[in-house]
Protein backbone atom coordinates (compact mmCIF):
# COMPACT_ATOMS: atom_id res chain seq x y z
CA MET A 1 117.68 83.96 119.37
CA THR A 2 116.10 80.89 117.76
CA THR A 3 118.10 77.73 118.40
CA ASN A 4 118.26 74.46 116.48
CA ALA A 5 116.50 72.77 119.39
CA ASP A 6 113.72 75.40 119.44
CA LEU A 7 112.98 74.92 115.76
CA PHE A 8 113.04 71.15 116.05
CA ALA A 9 110.60 71.26 118.95
CA ARG A 10 108.22 73.26 116.74
CA ARG A 11 108.83 70.81 113.91
CA GLN A 12 107.94 67.87 116.15
CA ALA A 13 104.59 69.47 116.96
CA ALA A 14 103.71 70.58 113.43
CA VAL A 15 105.25 68.05 110.99
CA PRO A 16 104.70 64.25 110.85
CA ARG A 17 107.56 62.05 112.01
CA GLY A 18 107.56 60.27 108.62
CA VAL A 19 109.87 63.00 107.34
CA GLY A 20 113.29 61.93 108.57
CA HIS A 21 116.32 64.10 109.34
CA ALA A 22 119.99 63.35 108.77
CA THR A 23 121.04 66.06 111.26
CA PRO A 24 119.42 68.20 114.00
CA ILE A 25 120.62 71.37 112.25
CA ALA A 26 118.34 74.20 111.07
CA ALA A 27 119.82 76.17 108.18
CA ALA A 28 119.81 79.97 108.20
CA ARG A 29 121.87 80.80 105.11
CA ALA A 30 124.28 79.20 102.65
CA GLU A 31 126.89 80.08 100.02
CA ASN A 32 128.54 77.66 97.62
CA ALA A 33 129.78 74.76 99.81
CA GLU A 34 129.17 76.41 103.20
CA VAL A 35 126.08 76.56 105.43
CA TRP A 36 125.34 78.52 108.62
CA ASP A 37 122.73 77.35 111.10
CA VAL A 38 120.25 79.49 113.06
CA GLU A 39 122.77 79.72 115.92
CA GLY A 40 125.47 81.12 113.61
CA LYS A 41 127.65 78.00 113.41
CA ARG A 42 129.34 77.38 110.05
CA TYR A 43 129.49 73.98 108.31
CA VAL A 44 131.25 72.58 105.25
CA ASP A 45 128.57 70.97 103.08
CA PHE A 46 129.45 67.49 101.79
CA ALA A 47 125.76 66.64 101.22
CA GLY A 48 124.70 69.24 98.67
CA GLY A 49 121.02 68.81 99.47
CA ILE A 50 121.41 65.12 98.46
CA ALA A 51 123.18 65.81 95.14
CA VAL A 52 121.02 68.81 94.20
CA LEU A 53 123.73 71.46 94.46
CA ASN A 54 126.42 70.48 91.97
CA THR A 55 126.63 74.23 91.20
CA GLY A 56 126.69 75.09 94.92
CA HIS A 57 124.34 77.09 97.10
CA ARG A 58 123.07 80.29 95.49
CA HIS A 59 125.37 80.45 92.48
CA PRO A 60 125.28 84.12 91.35
CA ALA A 61 124.45 83.30 87.72
CA ILE A 62 121.51 81.13 88.77
CA MET A 63 120.22 83.73 91.23
CA GLU A 64 120.33 86.41 88.52
CA ALA A 65 118.50 84.22 86.01
CA VAL A 66 115.71 83.50 88.50
CA LYS A 67 115.41 87.17 89.49
CA ALA A 68 115.06 88.12 85.82
CA GLN A 69 112.35 85.50 85.30
CA MET A 70 110.49 86.74 88.40
CA GLU A 71 110.18 90.13 86.70
CA ARG A 72 108.42 88.44 83.77
CA PHE A 73 106.07 85.82 85.33
CA THR A 74 106.26 82.98 87.84
CA HIS A 75 103.61 80.59 86.54
CA THR A 76 101.26 80.05 83.62
CA CYS A 77 101.05 76.23 83.54
CA PHE A 78 102.85 75.07 80.41
CA GLN A 79 99.69 73.26 79.26
CA VAL A 80 97.82 76.59 79.22
CA LEU A 81 100.43 79.11 78.03
CA LEU A 82 103.80 77.78 76.88
CA TYR A 83 107.02 79.76 77.40
CA ASP A 84 110.43 79.99 75.80
CA SER A 85 112.55 78.77 78.72
CA TYR A 86 110.78 75.37 78.81
CA VAL A 87 111.26 74.89 75.06
CA GLU A 88 114.89 76.07 75.12
CA LEU A 89 115.72 73.79 78.03
CA ALA A 90 114.16 70.82 76.22
CA GLU A 91 116.24 71.64 73.14
CA ARG A 92 119.45 71.79 75.15
CA LEU A 93 118.73 68.58 77.06
CA ASN A 94 117.94 66.78 73.80
CA ALA A 95 121.30 67.87 72.40
CA LEU A 96 123.25 66.92 75.55
CA ALA A 97 121.70 63.53 76.30
CA PRO A 98 123.62 60.42 75.19
CA ILE A 99 120.79 59.24 72.94
CA PRO A 100 122.11 58.80 69.38
CA GLU A 101 118.91 59.66 67.52
CA PRO A 102 116.27 62.42 67.64
CA ALA A 103 115.25 63.06 71.25
CA LYS A 104 112.48 64.91 73.04
CA SER A 105 112.17 66.05 76.68
CA ILE A 106 109.28 66.64 79.05
CA LEU A 107 109.67 68.46 82.37
CA PHE A 108 108.18 67.74 85.79
CA THR A 109 108.92 68.75 89.37
CA THR A 110 110.39 65.86 91.38
CA GLY A 111 112.57 62.83 90.73
CA ALA A 112 109.72 60.47 91.56
CA GLU A 113 107.57 62.22 88.94
CA ALA A 114 110.33 61.60 86.41
CA THR A 115 110.63 57.88 87.14
CA GLU A 116 106.85 57.34 87.30
CA ASN A 117 106.34 59.16 84.00
CA ALA A 118 109.17 57.21 82.38
CA ILE A 119 107.25 54.04 83.21
CA LYS A 120 104.00 55.57 81.88
CA ILE A 121 105.78 56.42 78.62
CA ALA A 122 107.33 52.94 78.36
CA ARG A 123 103.92 51.32 78.94
CA ALA A 124 102.30 53.50 76.30
CA ALA A 125 105.08 52.74 73.81
CA THR A 126 105.04 48.97 74.32
CA GLY A 127 101.45 48.23 75.27
CA ARG A 128 102.85 46.22 78.20
CA SER A 129 102.83 46.73 81.96
CA GLY A 130 105.73 44.82 83.55
CA VAL A 131 108.74 46.59 85.09
CA ILE A 132 112.09 45.16 86.18
CA ALA A 133 114.26 47.09 88.65
CA PHE A 134 117.26 46.23 90.85
CA THR A 135 117.84 45.53 94.52
CA GLY A 136 119.37 48.52 96.27
CA GLY A 137 117.96 50.95 93.72
CA PHE A 138 116.11 54.09 94.76
CA HIS A 139 113.53 55.60 92.40
CA GLY A 140 111.32 57.73 94.69
CA ARG A 141 108.59 57.56 97.30
CA THR A 142 105.36 57.70 95.24
CA ILE A 143 103.51 54.43 94.70
CA VAL A 144 105.12 53.07 91.52
CA ALA A 145 108.50 54.67 92.31
CA MET A 146 108.42 53.25 95.85
CA ASN A 147 107.70 49.79 94.52
CA MET A 148 110.53 50.04 91.98
CA THR A 149 112.88 50.99 94.84
CA GLY A 150 114.85 47.96 95.97
CA LYS A 151 114.82 48.52 99.71
CA VAL A 152 111.99 47.80 102.17
CA VAL A 153 112.92 49.85 105.27
CA PRO A 154 112.06 52.69 105.43
CA TYR A 155 110.64 53.19 101.94
CA LYS A 156 108.02 50.39 101.72
CA LYS A 157 107.32 49.33 105.29
CA GLY A 158 103.69 49.88 106.24
CA PHE A 159 102.52 51.04 102.83
CA GLY A 160 100.43 48.07 101.80
CA PRO A 161 100.84 45.29 99.24
CA ALA A 162 103.46 45.45 96.54
CA GLN A 163 102.47 46.97 93.20
CA ALA A 164 101.66 44.25 90.68
CA GLU A 165 104.10 43.42 87.90
CA ILE A 166 107.23 45.00 89.37
CA TRP A 167 110.14 42.61 89.90
CA HIS A 168 113.67 43.01 91.24
CA VAL A 169 116.98 41.54 90.10
CA PRO A 170 120.09 41.51 92.35
CA PHE A 171 122.42 44.41 91.57
CA PRO A 172 126.07 43.39 91.15
CA VAL A 173 128.00 44.43 94.27
CA PRO A 174 131.30 42.63 94.98
CA GLN A 175 131.08 43.29 98.72
CA LEU A 176 127.70 41.53 98.79
CA GLY A 177 128.92 38.57 96.78
CA VAL A 178 126.87 39.35 93.65
CA ASP A 179 128.50 39.63 90.22
CA VAL A 180 127.15 40.34 86.73
CA GLU A 181 126.75 36.63 85.97
CA ASP A 182 124.58 36.24 89.09
CA ALA A 183 122.40 39.19 88.11
CA LEU A 184 121.85 37.96 84.56
CA LYS A 185 121.20 34.41 85.75
CA TYR A 186 118.51 35.73 88.11
CA LEU A 187 116.99 37.82 85.31
CA ASN A 188 116.78 34.68 83.19
CA PHE A 189 115.12 32.84 86.08
CA LEU A 190 112.64 35.71 86.33
CA PHE A 191 111.77 35.35 82.65
CA LYS A 192 111.23 31.61 83.15
CA ALA A 193 109.36 31.67 86.46
CA ASP A 194 107.42 34.93 86.79
CA VAL A 195 107.08 37.01 83.63
CA ASP A 196 107.58 36.45 79.93
CA PRO A 197 109.76 39.18 78.36
CA SER A 198 106.87 40.00 76.03
CA ARG A 199 104.99 41.41 79.06
CA VAL A 200 107.83 43.67 80.24
CA ALA A 201 107.56 47.36 79.34
CA ALA A 202 110.76 48.63 80.96
CA ILE A 203 113.97 47.79 82.77
CA ILE A 204 115.01 50.70 85.01
CA ILE A 205 118.50 51.07 86.46
CA GLU A 206 120.67 53.69 88.15
CA PRO A 207 124.07 53.75 86.38
CA VAL A 208 125.49 54.38 89.86
CA GLN A 209 123.21 53.49 92.75
CA GLY A 210 122.56 56.42 95.07
CA GLU A 211 120.83 55.27 98.26
CA GLY A 212 122.14 51.79 97.50
CA GLY A 213 125.71 52.84 98.25
CA PHE A 214 127.33 54.45 95.18
CA HIS A 215 127.94 51.16 93.41
CA GLN A 216 128.46 51.60 89.67
CA ALA A 217 126.76 49.25 87.23
CA PRO A 218 129.47 47.26 85.40
CA ALA A 219 129.77 47.89 81.66
CA GLU A 220 129.16 44.20 81.04
CA LEU A 221 125.76 44.49 82.74
CA MET A 222 124.76 47.57 80.75
CA ARG A 223 125.66 45.88 77.46
CA ALA A 224 123.68 42.79 78.43
CA LEU A 225 120.62 44.84 79.40
CA ARG A 226 120.78 46.75 76.11
CA ARG A 227 120.99 43.44 74.22
CA ILE A 228 118.05 41.95 76.16
CA CYS A 229 115.93 45.07 75.69
CA ASP A 230 116.62 45.10 71.95
CA GLU A 231 115.83 41.41 71.63
CA HIS A 232 112.50 41.64 73.44
CA GLY A 233 111.32 45.17 72.61
CA ILE A 234 111.79 46.41 76.21
CA VAL A 235 112.46 50.09 77.01
CA LEU A 236 115.76 50.66 78.86
CA VAL A 237 115.37 53.49 81.39
CA ALA A 238 118.42 55.12 83.00
CA ASP A 239 117.52 56.79 86.32
CA GLU A 240 120.04 59.66 86.39
CA VAL A 241 118.23 61.69 89.04
CA GLN A 242 121.31 61.60 91.29
CA THR A 243 124.07 60.84 88.78
CA GLY A 244 123.17 63.48 86.20
CA PHE A 245 124.78 66.86 85.52
CA GLY A 246 128.45 66.25 86.06
CA ARG A 247 128.47 64.32 89.32
CA THR A 248 130.19 61.23 87.87
CA GLY A 249 132.75 63.12 85.77
CA ARG A 250 130.53 63.10 82.69
CA MET A 251 127.43 65.22 82.08
CA PHE A 252 125.41 61.99 82.24
CA ALA A 253 126.64 58.78 83.87
CA MET A 254 125.46 56.78 80.83
CA GLU A 255 128.33 58.41 78.92
CA HIS A 256 130.63 56.01 80.76
CA TYR A 257 129.15 53.17 78.67
CA ASP A 258 129.23 52.21 75.01
CA VAL A 259 125.46 51.64 74.92
CA ALA A 260 122.61 54.14 75.08
CA PRO A 261 119.35 54.09 77.06
CA ASP A 262 115.93 54.74 75.53
CA LEU A 263 114.80 57.10 78.31
CA ILE A 264 116.76 59.12 80.89
CA CYS A 265 115.22 60.44 84.12
CA VAL A 266 116.76 63.67 85.43
CA ALA A 267 116.18 65.95 88.44
CA LYS A 268 118.25 67.08 91.48
CA SER A 269 121.18 69.18 90.12
CA LEU A 270 119.33 70.06 86.91
CA ALA A 271 118.12 73.38 88.36
CA GLY A 272 120.59 74.30 91.10
CA GLY A 273 118.19 73.93 94.01
CA PHE A 274 114.91 74.78 92.29
CA PRO A 275 112.40 71.92 91.93
CA LEU A 276 112.62 70.55 88.40
CA SER A 277 112.82 67.09 86.85
CA GLY A 278 112.35 65.57 83.45
CA VAL A 279 112.40 62.62 81.10
CA ILE A 280 114.60 62.75 78.01
CA GLY A 281 114.06 60.03 75.45
CA ARG A 282 113.97 58.77 71.93
CA ALA A 283 111.39 60.86 70.11
CA ALA A 284 109.69 57.77 68.65
CA ILE A 285 109.01 56.51 72.19
CA MET A 286 108.19 59.88 73.76
CA ASP A 287 105.53 60.64 71.15
CA THR A 288 103.50 57.49 71.79
CA VAL A 289 101.55 59.14 74.63
CA GLU A 290 98.36 60.93 73.62
CA PRO A 291 98.05 64.71 74.27
CA GLY A 292 96.98 65.26 77.88
CA GLY A 293 98.47 61.97 79.08
CA LEU A 294 101.55 63.71 80.51
CA GLY A 295 102.11 66.96 82.37
CA GLY A 296 101.32 68.63 85.68
CA THR A 297 100.15 71.99 86.96
CA TYR A 298 103.60 73.02 88.20
CA ALA A 299 105.61 70.81 85.83
CA GLY A 300 108.46 72.73 84.23
CA ASN A 301 107.96 75.83 86.38
CA PRO A 302 109.33 79.00 84.67
CA LEU A 303 111.62 79.93 87.59
CA ALA A 304 113.09 76.43 87.65
CA CYS A 305 113.55 76.42 83.86
CA ALA A 306 115.42 79.73 84.04
CA ALA A 307 117.61 78.28 86.79
CA ALA A 308 118.31 75.14 84.75
CA LEU A 309 119.38 77.13 81.68
CA ALA A 310 121.78 79.05 83.93
CA VAL A 311 123.06 75.75 85.39
CA LEU A 312 123.96 74.51 81.91
CA ASP A 313 125.73 77.81 81.19
CA VAL A 314 127.71 77.52 84.43
CA PHE A 315 128.79 73.98 83.53
CA GLU A 316 130.19 75.25 80.25
CA LYS A 317 131.86 78.41 81.55
CA GLU A 318 133.35 76.89 84.70
CA LYS A 319 134.17 73.48 83.16
CA LEU A 320 132.44 71.66 86.00
CA VAL A 321 132.56 68.24 84.36
CA GLU A 322 136.35 68.42 84.35
CA ARG A 323 136.25 69.83 87.88
CA ALA A 324 134.23 66.80 89.04
CA ASN A 325 137.03 64.48 88.00
CA ALA A 326 139.64 66.62 89.77
CA ILE A 327 137.54 66.68 92.95
CA GLY A 328 137.02 62.94 92.76
CA GLU A 329 140.75 62.28 92.54
CA ARG A 330 141.39 64.61 95.48
CA LEU A 331 138.75 62.86 97.60
CA LYS A 332 139.81 59.31 96.74
CA THR A 333 143.52 60.01 97.27
CA ARG A 334 142.85 61.30 100.77
CA LEU A 335 140.34 58.54 101.60
CA GLU A 336 142.75 55.83 100.48
CA ALA A 337 145.34 57.31 102.84
CA LEU A 338 142.79 57.21 105.67
CA ARG A 339 141.87 53.62 104.78
CA ARG A 340 145.46 52.47 105.35
CA ARG A 341 145.60 53.86 108.89
CA ASN A 342 144.93 51.70 111.96
CA ASP A 343 144.06 54.52 114.37
CA LEU A 344 140.70 55.36 112.73
CA ALA A 345 137.36 53.65 112.35
CA PRO A 346 138.13 50.96 109.74
CA ILE A 347 136.99 51.94 106.26
CA ALA A 348 136.83 49.91 103.06
CA ALA A 349 135.93 50.02 99.39
CA VAL A 350 136.64 53.64 98.48
CA ARG A 351 134.78 54.00 95.19
CA GLY A 352 132.76 56.02 92.74
CA PRO A 353 133.22 57.71 89.38
CA GLY A 354 134.03 61.42 89.23
CA ALA A 355 132.95 63.27 92.36
CA MET A 356 130.32 60.66 93.30
CA VAL A 357 132.54 59.17 96.01
CA ALA A 358 131.77 56.84 98.89
CA PHE A 359 133.37 54.40 101.30
CA ASP A 360 132.16 51.76 103.75
CA ILE A 361 132.73 51.62 107.49
CA VAL A 362 133.37 48.05 108.62
CA LYS A 363 133.83 46.22 111.91
CA GLU A 364 137.37 45.00 111.25
CA PRO A 365 140.08 46.17 108.86
CA GLY A 366 140.33 44.03 105.74
CA THR A 367 136.74 42.76 105.99
CA ASP A 368 133.42 43.71 104.42
CA THR A 369 131.39 43.26 107.62
CA PRO A 370 129.22 46.39 107.83
CA ASP A 371 129.15 48.56 110.95
CA ALA A 372 126.02 50.71 110.79
CA GLU A 373 126.34 51.94 114.38
CA ALA A 374 129.89 53.18 113.85
CA THR A 375 128.75 54.88 110.64
CA LYS A 376 126.02 56.70 112.53
CA ARG A 377 128.56 57.84 115.13
CA VAL A 378 130.94 59.13 112.45
CA VAL A 379 128.18 61.15 110.74
CA THR A 380 127.14 62.58 114.13
CA ARG A 381 130.72 63.49 115.06
CA ALA A 382 131.16 65.10 111.66
CA TYR A 383 128.26 67.56 111.99
CA GLU A 384 129.21 68.27 115.61
CA LYS A 385 132.63 69.32 114.30
CA GLY A 386 131.24 71.31 111.35
CA LEU A 387 130.81 68.91 108.41
CA ILE A 388 127.47 67.93 106.85
CA LEU A 389 127.79 64.31 105.79
CA LEU A 390 125.31 61.61 104.69
CA SER A 391 125.24 57.86 105.05
CA CYS A 392 123.48 55.36 102.80
CA GLY A 393 123.79 51.76 101.60
CA VAL A 394 121.85 48.53 101.91
CA TYR A 395 123.37 47.99 105.37
CA ALA A 396 123.54 51.72 106.30
CA ASN A 397 127.34 51.60 106.58
CA THR A 398 128.28 53.72 103.55
CA VAL A 399 129.42 57.33 103.84
CA ARG A 400 128.79 59.30 100.64
CA ILE A 401 130.34 62.59 99.60
CA LEU A 402 128.35 64.99 97.40
CA VAL A 403 130.32 68.20 97.77
CA PRO A 404 129.37 70.93 95.25
CA LEU A 405 131.52 70.87 92.11
CA THR A 406 132.07 74.61 92.61
CA ALA A 407 133.80 74.09 95.99
CA ASP A 408 137.44 75.19 96.11
CA ASP A 409 140.26 72.89 97.18
CA ALA A 410 140.72 74.61 100.55
CA THR A 411 137.08 74.00 101.52
CA ILE A 412 137.23 70.38 100.36
CA ASP A 413 140.40 69.79 102.35
CA GLU A 414 138.81 71.40 105.40
CA GLY A 415 135.91 68.99 105.10
CA LEU A 416 138.25 66.03 104.76
CA ASP A 417 140.17 67.17 107.85
CA ILE A 418 136.91 67.16 109.83
CA LEU A 419 136.03 63.74 108.41
CA GLU A 420 139.40 62.43 109.62
CA GLN A 421 138.65 63.79 113.10
CA ALA A 422 135.22 62.14 113.04
CA LEU A 423 136.76 58.79 112.08
CA ALA A 424 139.29 59.14 114.91
CA ALA A 425 136.58 59.94 117.45
């Protein structure tokens, strides 16, 4: 029998070490919110492939849609022979997106492709090149996306000089002593010291930071950014790669605000585990790029488009947006109870909209002093006991929960029981 250790030994010999691993587990099969490794051990999945599986592993409706598409064709390249599923998906995304005017969508493969192409579109629309992002943000690992990401280690270290004309503003995080006033003051300093607003093509922001620790952008900040973008002709880009498709208790996290973005980047849970991403935006902006300036050989793959259409159907039929809010309340109620106990690793700042829930592990109760080593031990204890869990955050002391929205209460409670054991250990 193949073991986890056997497969990892082969991986060490064949795959570069630059690809990191959150666990030493090799998956064999999965269903909904459960995974079995190659040794037959079962795990509750609180990671969801890093927010890709809002509809769970192998949802039957998605599997059937992909099987049906496989009987038709698997690839034509949309730029050579277009197909109905791409067009239908664009139509549905345009109707769903919180953009209050005619919208258009283009499809790609990865989240980084979405964010990079959003910047290309913004540059074409404005004739400018500057980009403003936020500390703690994560936008991908390709060159422009990596430079927009607001964290050096491990995403930028060793990859050469910074990309020109990309600047960062502190993201408001109470635990880090940064509020909205601080962020806007720094942005004003940036406009005075480094770049005139007339040179800025785009401001890109995650409505809720993913890798940065599940901190939600305050409404006051979003309104200010919308006002600044309108005043200076800057394109406001919402990176919803992780927040999109029900995770925050709305189909899009930008629906939590009373302002709208110009462009929205989507990926992850869009296609239920199949590689698909996209940019949805105001038609007037999207159409500024010349034919041939956007696209990709595999962009908008037919199998992934079929999966995505099924995902949207599942959201409607199973009311997964409402389910996200119910799951979030269940998680936060239990975590708050754990936070008040003194016999567990001290946790703080239980937070997150909908089912995008996280908490920090700290050195002492009642403080914000991060404890990255204790966080690492908790995550390790969790998978040893049968729970797949991920950490994140600027100081690597945040535990994030991304359980599928299709998980039942019993499975969620089982995962929380294991988490409690891991915190006790």
